[in-house]
Amino acid sequence: MTPQQPTIIETPDAFIVNGIVVAKLKKGQSISYDPAVIKAIGADLFFDLVGPKQSLPIPDLGFTDAEWDDMERQIREDQ
């Protein structure tokens, strides 16, 4: 028995998966999802829909090479 493919409808603000509304993430907004929604559509499909499509850039934190070296030394010592 093969599982059925979900019906996915995309709107500007959400995905509708088999009638279940999953709001899209928007830059600069905080959102939380009901665990029951994630369970209902499946974690893999949920993350495929709402997860970033490209890698997120790591911002330059402005540390000097000496500061990075010091932080790495502290991490090694703490292990």
C-alpha atoms as a PDB file:
ATOM      1  CA  MET A   1       0.000   0.000   0.000  1.00  0.00           C
ATOM      2  CA  THR A   2       1.529   3.333  -1.024  1.00  0.00           C
ATOM      3  CA  PRO A   3       0.818   6.537   0.865  1.00  0.00           C
ATOM      4  CA  GLN A   4      -1.219   9.166  -0.937  1.00  0.00           C
ATOM      5  CA  GLN A   5       0.468  12.371  -2.039  1.00  0.00           C
ATOM      6  CA  PRO A   6      -0.799  15.371  -0.065  1.00  0.00           C
ATOM      7  CA  THR A   7      -2.750  18.094  -1.809  1.00  0.00           C
ATOM      8  CA  ILE A   8      -0.791  21.332  -1.397  1.00  0.00           C
ATOM      9  CA  ILE A   9      -2.210  24.732  -2.325  1.00  0.00           C
ATOM     10  CA  GLU A  10       0.057  27.774  -2.009  1.00  0.00           C
ATOM     11  CA  THR A  11      -1.316  31.235  -1.267  1.00  0.00           C
ATOM     12  CA  PRO A  12       0.735  34.413  -0.717  1.00  0.00           C
ATOM     13  CA  ASP A  13       0.588  33.928   3.084  1.00  0.00           C
ATOM     14  CA  ALA A  14       0.215  30.201   3.647  1.00  0.00           C
ATOM     15  CA  PHE A  15       0.360  26.641   2.410  1.00  0.00           C
ATOM     16  CA  ILE A  16      -2.799  24.568   2.633  1.00  0.00           C
ATOM     17  CA  VAL A  17      -1.983  20.879   3.007  1.00  0.00           C
ATOM     18  CA  ASN A  18      -5.009  18.603   2.783  1.00  0.00           C
ATOM     19  CA  GLY A  19      -7.103  21.431   4.220  1.00  0.00           C
ATOM     20  CA  ILE A  20      -4.642  22.289   7.020  1.00  0.00           C
ATOM     21  CA  VAL A  21      -3.360  25.882   6.910  1.00  0.00           C
ATOM     22  CA  VAL A  22       0.371  26.380   7.527  1.00  0.00           C
ATOM     23  CA  ALA A  23       1.390  30.044   7.658  1.00  0.00           C
ATOM     24  CA  LYS A  24       4.543  31.007   5.771  1.00  0.00           C
ATOM     25  CA  LEU A  25       7.526  32.399   7.606  1.00  0.00           C
ATOM     26  CA  LYS A  26       8.095  36.082   6.957  1.00  0.00           C
ATOM     27  CA  LYS A  27      11.359  37.911   7.450  1.00  0.00           C
ATOM     28  CA  GLY A  28      11.355  39.940  10.659  1.00  0.00           C
ATOM     29  CA  GLN A  29       8.312  38.192  12.128  1.00  0.00           C
ATOM     30  CA  SER A  30       8.119  35.666  14.898  1.00  0.00           C
ATOM     31  CA  ILE A  31       5.731  32.774  14.454  1.00  0.00           C
ATOM     32  CA  SER A  32       5.005  29.560  16.318  1.00  0.00           C
ATOM     33  CA  TYR A  33       3.361  26.447  14.946  1.00  0.00           C
ATOM     34  CA  ASP A  34       0.978  24.109  16.706  1.00  0.00           C
ATOM     35  CA  PRO A  35       2.707  20.739  17.162  1.00  0.00           C
ATOM     36  CA  ALA A  36      -0.553  19.047  16.122  1.00  0.00           C
ATOM     37  CA  VAL A  37      -0.309  20.765  12.717  1.00  0.00           C
ATOM     38  CA  ILE A  38       3.273  19.579  12.260  1.00  0.00           C
ATOM     39  CA  LYS A  39       2.283  16.052  13.239  1.00  0.00           C
ATOM     40  CA  ALA A  40      -0.772  16.094  10.967  1.00  0.00           C
ATOM     41  CA  ILE A  41       1.194  16.973   7.822  1.00  0.00           C
ATOM     42  CA  GLY A  42       4.463  15.276   8.814  1.00  0.00           C
ATOM     43  CA  ALA A  43       7.677  16.885   9.992  1.00  0.00           C
ATOM     44  CA  ASP A  44       9.548  16.333   6.704  1.00  0.00           C
ATOM     45  CA  LEU A  45       6.861  18.010   4.600  1.00  0.00           C
ATOM     46  CA  PHE A  46       6.452  20.788   7.164  1.00  0.00           C
ATOM     47  CA  PHE A  47      10.159  21.672   7.067  1.00  0.00           C
ATOM     48  CA  ASP A  48      10.247  21.373   3.267  1.00  0.00           C
ATOM     49  CA  LEU A  49       7.442  23.938   3.070  1.00  0.00           C
ATOM     50  CA  VAL A  50       8.465  26.499   5.705  1.00  0.00           C
ATOM     51  CA  GLY A  51      12.227  25.973   5.878  1.00  0.00           C
ATOM     52  CA  PRO A  52      14.620  28.278   4.039  1.00  0.00           C
ATOM     53  CA  LYS A  53      15.232  27.289   0.420  1.00  0.00           C
ATOM     54  CA  GLN A  54      18.807  28.632   0.496  1.00  0.00           C
ATOM     55  CA  SER A  55      21.443  28.656   3.183  1.00  0.00           C
ATOM     56  CA  LEU A  56      21.183  31.611   5.503  1.00  0.00           C
ATOM     57  CA  PRO A  57      24.247  33.861   5.400  1.00  0.00           C
ATOM     58  CA  ILE A  58      26.299  34.126   8.568  1.00  0.00           C
ATOM     59  CA  PRO A  59      26.737  37.812   9.369  1.00  0.00           C
ATOM     60  CA  ASP A  60      30.149  39.286  10.031  1.00  0.00           C
ATOM     61  CA  LEU A  61      30.287  39.788  13.783  1.00  0.00           C
ATOM     62  CA  GLY A  62      33.206  42.193  13.628  1.00  0.00           C
ATOM     63  CA  PHE A  63      35.640  40.183  15.759  1.00  0.00           C
ATOM     64  CA  THR A  64      39.357  40.534  15.120  1.00  0.00           C
ATOM     65  CA  ASP A  65      41.491  37.473  14.362  1.00  0.00           C
ATOM     66  CA  ALA A  66      42.913  37.683  17.892  1.00  0.00           C
ATOM     67  CA  GLU A  67      39.408  37.697  19.396  1.00  0.00           C
ATOM     68  CA  TRP A  68      38.400  34.663  17.296  1.00  0.00           C
ATOM     69  CA  ASP A  69      41.568  32.852  18.398  1.00  0.00           C
ATOM     70  CA  ASP A  70      40.826  33.670  22.040  1.00  0.00           C
ATOM     71  CA  MET A  71      37.229  32.387  21.751  1.00  0.00           C
ATOM     72  CA  GLU A  72      38.379  29.167  20.065  1.00  0.00           C
ATOM     73  CA  ARG A  73      41.003  28.672  22.813  1.00  0.00           C
ATOM     74  CA  GLN A  74      38.328  29.153  25.489  1.00  0.00           C
ATOM     75  CA  ILE A  75      36.054  26.619  23.795  1.00  0.00           C
ATOM     76  CA  ARG A  76      38.855  24.025  23.673  1.00  0.00           C
ATOM     77  CA  GLU A  77      39.628  24.628  27.359  1.00  0.00           C
ATOM     78  CA  ASP A  78      35.968  24.267  28.357  1.00  0.00           C
ATOM     79  CA  GLN A  79      35.645  20.843  26.718  1.00  0.00           C
END
